[in-house]
Amino acid sequence: MNVERGVRLMAGVIVLVSLALAHYISPYWLWLTVFVGLNLLQSAFTNWCPAMTILRATGMKDANCVTME
């Protein structure tokens, strides 16, 4: 898995967890979904988001560094 796919996976999981928490706990959890959406929006223009830094720190490689064998 590369960083770009990891970001999409992380965002999807956080959105789904946020929606479940909003349904069962409090609607204020929807603000987490808003945060993830805004983060994805700004990353489309800047090609950077905090999740990318975290995933790179774990050793995940960028998509252009991955070789197909």
PDB file of N, CA and C in Angstrom:
ATOM      1  N   MET A   1       0.847  -1.177   0.000  1.00  0.00           N
ATOM      2  CA  MET A   1       0.000   0.000   0.000  1.00  0.00           C
ATOM      3  C   MET A   1       0.887   1.232   0.000  1.00  0.00           C
ATOM      4  N   ASN A   2       0.469   2.250  -0.739  1.00  0.00           N
ATOM      5  CA  ASN A   2       1.239   3.484  -0.779  1.00  0.00           C
ATOM      6  C   ASN A   2       0.516   4.577   0.020  1.00  0.00           C
ATOM      7  N   VAL A   3       1.174   5.723   0.157  1.00  0.00           N
ATOM      8  CA  VAL A   3       0.656   6.823   0.979  1.00  0.00           C
ATOM      9  C   VAL A   3      -0.695   7.306   0.465  1.00  0.00           C
ATOM     10  N   GLU A   4      -0.843   7.435  -0.844  1.00  0.00           N
ATOM     11  CA  GLU A   4      -2.080   7.965  -1.407  1.00  0.00           C
ATOM     12  C   GLU A   4      -3.270   7.056  -1.082  1.00  0.00           C
ATOM     13  N   ARG A   5      -3.075   5.756  -1.215  1.00  0.00           N
ATOM     14  CA  ARG A   5      -4.145   4.816  -0.871  1.00  0.00           C
ATOM     15  C   ARG A   5      -4.389   4.793   0.633  1.00  0.00           C
ATOM     16  N   GLY A   6      -3.323   4.938   1.394  1.00  0.00           N
ATOM     17  CA  GLY A   6      -3.454   4.970   2.848  1.00  0.00           C
ATOM     18  C   GLY A   6      -4.270   6.159   3.324  1.00  0.00           C
ATOM     19  N   VAL A   7      -4.074   7.311   2.677  1.00  0.00           N
ATOM     20  CA  VAL A   7      -4.843   8.506   3.032  1.00  0.00           C
ATOM     21  C   VAL A   7      -6.324   8.276   2.757  1.00  0.00           C
ATOM     22  N   ARG A   8      -6.631   7.707   1.600  1.00  0.00           N
ATOM     23  CA  ARG A   8      -8.040   7.446   1.270  1.00  0.00           C
ATOM     24  C   ARG A   8      -8.651   6.434   2.232  1.00  0.00           C
ATOM     25  N   LEU A   9      -7.883   5.414   2.591  1.00  0.00           N
ATOM     26  CA  LEU A   9      -8.366   4.420   3.552  1.00  0.00           C
ATOM     27  C   LEU A   9      -8.620   5.059   4.913  1.00  0.00           C
ATOM     28  N   MET A  10      -7.661   5.839   5.384  1.00  0.00           N
ATOM     29  CA  MET A  10      -7.795   6.498   6.684  1.00  0.00           C
ATOM     30  C   MET A  10      -8.986   7.450   6.687  1.00  0.00           C
ATOM     31  N   ALA A  11      -9.142   8.230   5.631  1.00  0.00           N
ATOM     32  CA  ALA A  11     -10.259   9.181   5.548  1.00  0.00           C
ATOM     33  C   ALA A  11     -11.593   8.448   5.546  1.00  0.00           C
ATOM     34  N   GLY A  12     -11.687   7.378   4.779  1.00  0.00           N
ATOM     35  CA  GLY A  12     -12.929   6.607   4.724  1.00  0.00           C
ATOM     36  C   GLY A  12     -13.304   6.004   6.061  1.00  0.00           C
ATOM     37  N   VAL A  13     -12.320   5.446   6.743  1.00  0.00           N
ATOM     38  CA  VAL A  13     -12.578   4.853   8.064  1.00  0.00           C
ATOM     39  C   VAL A  13     -13.015   5.926   9.050  1.00  0.00           C
ATOM     40  N   ILE A  14     -12.331   7.059   9.064  1.00  0.00           N
ATOM     41  CA  ILE A  14     -12.684   8.125  10.007  1.00  0.00           C
ATOM     42  C   ILE A  14     -14.085   8.656   9.723  1.00  0.00           C
ATOM     43  N   VAL A  15     -14.447   8.812   8.455  1.00  0.00           N
ATOM     44  CA  VAL A  15     -15.791   9.292   8.117  1.00  0.00           C
ATOM     45  C   VAL A  15     -16.848   8.295   8.585  1.00  0.00           C
ATOM     46  N   LEU A  16     -16.640   7.011   8.334  1.00  0.00           N
ATOM     47  CA  LEU A  16     -17.622   6.010   8.750  1.00  0.00           C
ATOM     48  C   LEU A  16     -17.745   5.922  10.272  1.00  0.00           C
ATOM     49  N   VAL A  17     -16.615   5.981  10.975  1.00  0.00           N
ATOM     50  CA  VAL A  17     -16.646   5.972  12.443  1.00  0.00           C
ATOM     51  C   VAL A  17     -17.343   7.224  12.958  1.00  0.00           C
ATOM     52  N   SER A  18     -17.055   8.360  12.353  1.00  0.00           N
ATOM     53  CA  SER A  18     -17.686   9.610  12.743  1.00  0.00           C
ATOM     54  C   SER A  18     -19.201   9.545  12.560  1.00  0.00           C
ATOM     55  N   LEU A  19     -19.648   8.985  11.452  1.00  0.00           N
ATOM     56  CA  LEU A  19     -21.085   8.861  11.218  1.00  0.00           C
ATOM     57  C   LEU A  19     -21.740   7.928  12.238  1.00  0.00           C
ATOM     58  N   ALA A  20     -21.074   6.834  12.565  1.00  0.00           N
ATOM     59  CA  ALA A  20     -21.612   5.928  13.583  1.00  0.00           C
ATOM     60  C   ALA A  20     -21.682   6.612  14.939  1.00  0.00           C
ATOM     61  N   LEU A  21     -20.631   7.349  15.309  1.00  0.00           N
ATOM     62  CA  LEU A  21     -20.636   8.069  16.578  1.00  0.00           C
ATOM     63  C   LEU A  21     -21.723   9.145  16.599  1.00  0.00           C
ATOM     64  N   ALA A  22     -21.931   9.810  15.474  1.00  0.00           N
ATOM     65  CA  ALA A  22     -22.979  10.830  15.405  1.00  0.00           C
ATOM     66  C   ALA A  22     -24.357  10.207  15.570  1.00  0.00           C
ATOM     67  N   HIS A  23     -24.534   9.034  15.023  1.00  0.00           N
ATOM     68  CA  HIS A  23     -25.827   8.348  15.120  1.00  0.00           C
ATOM     69  C   HIS A  23     -26.097   7.843  16.539  1.00  0.00           C
ATOM     70  N   TYR A  24     -25.088   7.238  17.166  1.00  0.00           N
ATOM     71  CA  TYR A  24     -25.285   6.589  18.454  1.00  0.00           C
ATOM     72  C   TYR A  24     -24.943   7.460  19.661  1.00  0.00           C
ATOM     73  N   ILE A  25     -24.061   8.421  19.517  1.00  0.00           N
ATOM     74  CA  ILE A  25     -23.581   9.197  20.672  1.00  0.00           C
ATOM     75  C   ILE A  25     -24.094  10.639  20.628  1.00  0.00           C
ATOM     76  N   SER A  26     -23.620  11.404  19.638  1.00  0.00           N
ATOM     77  CA  SER A  26     -23.969  12.821  19.569  1.00  0.00           C
ATOM     78  C   SER A  26     -23.769  13.328  18.148  1.00  0.00           C
ATOM     79  N   PRO A  27     -24.677  14.172  17.673  1.00  0.00           N
ATOM     80  CA  PRO A  27     -24.497  14.718  16.318  1.00  0.00           C
ATOM     81  C   PRO A  27     -23.273  15.621  16.182  1.00  0.00           C
ATOM     82  N   TYR A  28     -22.691  16.033  17.285  1.00  0.00           N
ATOM     83  CA  TYR A  28     -21.479  16.853  17.215  1.00  0.00           C
ATOM     84  C   TYR A  28     -20.304  16.102  16.582  1.00  0.00           C
ATOM     85  N   TRP A  29     -20.371  14.780  16.527  1.00  0.00           N
ATOM     86  CA  TRP A  29     -19.320  14.000  15.874  1.00  0.00           C
ATOM     87  C   TRP A  29     -19.266  14.260  14.375  1.00  0.00           C
ATOM     88  N   LEU A  30     -20.324  14.842  13.818  1.00  0.00           N
ATOM     89  CA  LEU A  30     -20.307  15.170  12.389  1.00  0.00           C
ATOM     90  C   LEU A  30     -19.246  16.210  12.068  1.00  0.00           C
ATOM     91  N   TRP A  31     -18.832  16.989  13.067  1.00  0.00           N
ATOM     92  CA  TRP A  31     -17.746  17.945  12.844  1.00  0.00           C
ATOM     93  C   TRP A  31     -16.446  17.237  12.460  1.00  0.00           C
ATOM     94  N   LEU A  32     -16.260  16.010  12.930  1.00  0.00           N
ATOM     95  CA  LEU A  32     -15.077  15.241  12.522  1.00  0.00           C
ATOM     96  C   LEU A  32     -15.156  14.932  11.028  1.00  0.00           C
ATOM     97  N   THR A  33     -16.342  14.597  10.540  1.00  0.00           N
ATOM     98  CA  THR A  33     -16.535  14.359   9.116  1.00  0.00           C
ATOM     99  C   THR A  33     -16.255  15.629   8.314  1.00  0.00           C
ATOM    100  N   VAL A  34     -16.702  16.769   8.821  1.00  0.00           N
ATOM    101  CA  VAL A  34     -16.433  18.055   8.162  1.00  0.00           C
ATOM    102  C   VAL A  34     -14.930  18.302   8.100  1.00  0.00           C
ATOM    103  N   PHE A  35     -14.229  18.044   9.195  1.00  0.00           N
ATOM    104  CA  PHE A  35     -12.781  18.235   9.236  1.00  0.00           C
ATOM    105  C   PHE A  35     -12.081  17.365   8.196  1.00  0.00           C
ATOM    106  N   VAL A  36     -12.472  16.102   8.112  1.00  0.00           N
ATOM    107  CA  VAL A  36     -11.850  15.198   7.133  1.00  0.00           C
ATOM    108  C   VAL A  36     -12.132  15.688   5.716  1.00  0.00           C
ATOM    109  N   GLY A  37     -13.367  16.112   5.455  1.00  0.00           N
ATOM    110  CA  GLY A  37     -13.713  16.616   4.128  1.00  0.00           C
ATOM    111  C   GLY A  37     -12.915  17.849   3.745  1.00  0.00           C
ATOM    112  N   LEU A  38     -12.786  18.786   4.678  1.00  0.00           N
ATOM    113  CA  LEU A  38     -12.002  19.992   4.405  1.00  0.00           C
ATOM    114  C   LEU A  38     -10.527  19.663   4.198  1.00  0.00           C
ATOM    115  N   ASN A  39     -10.023  18.706   4.975  1.00  0.00           N
ATOM    116  CA  ASN A  39      -8.639  18.277   4.820  1.00  0.00           C
ATOM    117  C   ASN A  39      -8.409  17.673   3.443  1.00  0.00           C
ATOM    118  N   LEU A  40      -9.340  16.838   2.980  1.00  0.00           N
ATOM    119  CA  LEU A  40      -9.214  16.244   1.653  1.00  0.00           C
ATOM    120  C   LEU A  40      -9.312  17.310   0.567  1.00  0.00           C
ATOM    121  N   LEU A  41     -10.182  18.289   0.768  1.00  0.00           N
ATOM    122  CA  LEU A  41     -10.321  19.370  -0.198  1.00  0.00           C
ATOM    123  C   LEU A  41      -9.033  20.178  -0.327  1.00  0.00           C
ATOM    124  N   GLN A  42      -8.449  20.568   0.794  1.00  0.00           N
ATOM    125  CA  GLN A  42      -7.209  21.346   0.713  1.00  0.00           C
ATOM    126  C   GLN A  42      -6.059  20.496   0.184  1.00  0.00           C
ATOM    127  N   SER A  43      -6.054  19.194   0.468  1.00  0.00           N
ATOM    128  CA  SER A  43      -4.970  18.345  -0.036  1.00  0.00           C
ATOM    129  C   SER A  43      -5.043  18.167  -1.549  1.00  0.00           C
ATOM    130  N   ALA A  44      -6.233  18.337  -2.121  1.00  0.00           N
ATOM    131  CA  ALA A  44      -6.357  18.268  -3.581  1.00  0.00           C
ATOM    132  C   ALA A  44      -5.599  19.412  -4.249  1.00  0.00           C
ATOM    133  N   PHE A  45      -5.484  20.547  -3.563  1.00  0.00           N
ATOM    134  CA  PHE A  45      -4.797  21.705  -4.119  1.00  0.00           C
ATOM    135  C   PHE A  45      -3.333  21.785  -3.697  1.00  0.00           C
ATOM    136  N   THR A  46      -3.013  21.299  -2.494  1.00  0.00           N
ATOM    137  CA  THR A  46      -1.655  21.440  -1.979  1.00  0.00           C
ATOM    138  C   THR A  46      -0.840  20.149  -2.073  1.00  0.00           C
ATOM    139  N   ASN A  47      -1.514  19.024  -2.321  1.00  0.00           N
ATOM    140  CA  ASN A  47      -0.874  17.706  -2.344  1.00  0.00           C
ATOM    141  C   ASN A  47      -0.189  17.381  -1.013  1.00  0.00           C
ATOM    142  N   TRP A  48      -0.778  17.845   0.080  1.00  0.00           N
ATOM    143  CA  TRP A  48      -0.262  17.548   1.411  1.00  0.00           C
ATOM    144  C   TRP A  48      -1.418  17.540   2.407  1.00  0.00           C
ATOM    145  N   CYS A  49      -1.373  16.609   3.332  1.00  0.00           N
ATOM    146  CA  CYS A  49      -2.297  16.623   4.465  1.00  0.00           C
ATOM    147  C   CYS A  49      -1.579  15.941   5.635  1.00  0.00           C
ATOM    148  N   PRO A  50      -2.027  16.174   6.864  1.00  0.00           N
ATOM    149  CA  PRO A  50      -1.352  15.591   8.023  1.00  0.00           C
ATOM    150  C   PRO A  50      -1.250  14.066   7.964  1.00  0.00           C
ATOM    151  N   ALA A  51      -2.251  13.422   7.397  1.00  0.00           N
ATOM    152  CA  ALA A  51      -2.223  11.961   7.315  1.00  0.00           C
ATOM    153  C   ALA A  51      -1.042  11.470   6.477  1.00  0.00           C
ATOM    154  N   MET A  52      -0.674  12.228   5.449  1.00  0.00           N
ATOM    155  CA  MET A  52       0.465  11.837   4.614  1.00  0.00           C
ATOM    156  C   MET A  52       1.753  11.824   5.435  1.00  0.00           C
ATOM    157  N   THR A  53       1.925  12.819   6.281  1.00  0.00           N
ATOM    158  CA  THR A  53       3.108  12.882   7.135  1.00  0.00           C
ATOM    159  C   THR A  53       3.143  11.701   8.088  1.00  0.00           C
ATOM    160  N   ILE A  54       2.006  11.368   8.667  1.00  0.00           N
ATOM    161  CA  ILE A  54       1.923  10.239   9.600  1.00  0.00           C
ATOM    162  C   ILE A  54       2.234   8.936   8.883  1.00  0.00           C
ATOM    163  N   LEU A  55       1.642   8.725   7.717  1.00  0.00           N
ATOM    164  CA  LEU A  55       1.862   7.475   6.985  1.00  0.00           C
ATOM    165  C   LEU A  55       3.296   7.346   6.495  1.00  0.00           C
ATOM    166  N   ARG A  56       3.891   8.451   6.063  1.00  0.00           N
ATOM    167  CA  ARG A  56       5.308   8.395   5.659  1.00  0.00           C
ATOM    168  C   ARG A  56       6.201   8.059   6.847  1.00  0.00           C
ATOM    169  N   ALA A  57       5.850   8.562   8.032  1.00  0.00           N
ATOM    170  CA  ALA A  57       6.636   8.279   9.237  1.00  0.00           C
ATOM    171  C   ALA A  57       6.579   6.794   9.599  1.00  0.00           C
ATOM    172  N   THR A  58       5.513   6.113   9.193  1.00  0.00           N
ATOM    173  CA  THR A  58       5.411   4.680   9.463  1.00  0.00           C
ATOM    174  C   THR A  58       6.168   3.846   8.431  1.00  0.00           C
ATOM    175  N   GLY A  59       6.728   4.519   7.415  1.00  0.00           N
ATOM    176  CA  GLY A  59       7.524   3.807   6.423  1.00  0.00           C
ATOM    177  C   GLY A  59       6.817   3.560   5.105  1.00  0.00           C
ATOM    178  N   MET A  60       5.605   4.063   4.962  1.00  0.00           N
ATOM    179  CA  MET A  60       4.873   3.889   3.718  1.00  0.00           C
ATOM    180  C   MET A  60       5.508   4.755   2.628  1.00  0.00           C
ATOM    181  N   LYS A  61       5.551   4.240   1.431  1.00  0.00           N
ATOM    182  CA  LYS A  61       6.174   4.941   0.303  1.00  0.00           C
ATOM    183  C   LYS A  61       5.133   5.674  -0.527  1.00  0.00           C
ATOM    184  N   ASP A  62       5.585   6.711  -1.251  1.00  0.00           N
ATOM    185  CA  ASP A  62       4.707   7.426  -2.180  1.00  0.00           C
ATOM    186  C   ASP A  62       4.416   6.545  -3.381  1.00  0.00           C
ATOM    187  N   ALA A  63       3.361   6.858  -4.106  1.00  0.00           N
ATOM    188  CA  ALA A  63       2.941   6.053  -5.254  1.00  0.00           C
ATOM    189  C   ALA A  63       4.012   6.028  -6.335  1.00  0.00           C
ATOM    190  N   ASN A  64       4.699   7.160  -6.559  1.00  0.00           N
ATOM    191  CA  ASN A  64       5.705   7.193  -7.614  1.00  0.00           C
ATOM    192  C   ASN A  64       6.982   6.452  -7.235  1.00  0.00           C
ATOM    193  N   CYS A  65       7.120   6.052  -5.977  1.00  0.00           N
ATOM    194  CA  CYS A  65       8.292   5.295  -5.532  1.00  0.00           C
ATOM    195  C   CYS A  65       8.053   3.794  -5.557  1.00  0.00           C
ATOM    196  N   VAL A  66       6.811   3.383  -5.738  1.00  0.00           N
ATOM    197  CA  VAL A  66       6.469   1.966  -5.708  1.00  0.00           C
ATOM    198  C   VAL A  66       6.770   1.386  -7.076  1.00  0.00           C
ATOM    199  N   THR A  67       7.479   0.257  -7.099  1.00  0.00           N
ATOM    200  CA  THR A  67       7.782  -0.407  -8.364  1.00  0.00           C
ATOM    201  C   THR A  67       6.917  -1.644  -8.482  1.00  0.00           C
ATOM    202  N   MET A  68       6.450  -1.901  -9.683  1.00  0.00           N
ATOM    203  CA  MET A  68       5.650  -3.089  -9.949  1.00  0.00           C
ATOM    204  C   MET A  68       6.593  -4.200 -10.392  1.00  0.00           C
ATOM    205  N   GLU A  69       6.541  -5.324  -9.711  1.00  0.00           N
ATOM    206  CA  GLU A  69       7.415  -6.448 -10.066  1.00  0.00           C
ATOM    207  C   GLU A  69       6.598  -7.630 -10.487  1.00  0.00           C
TER     208      GLU A  69
END
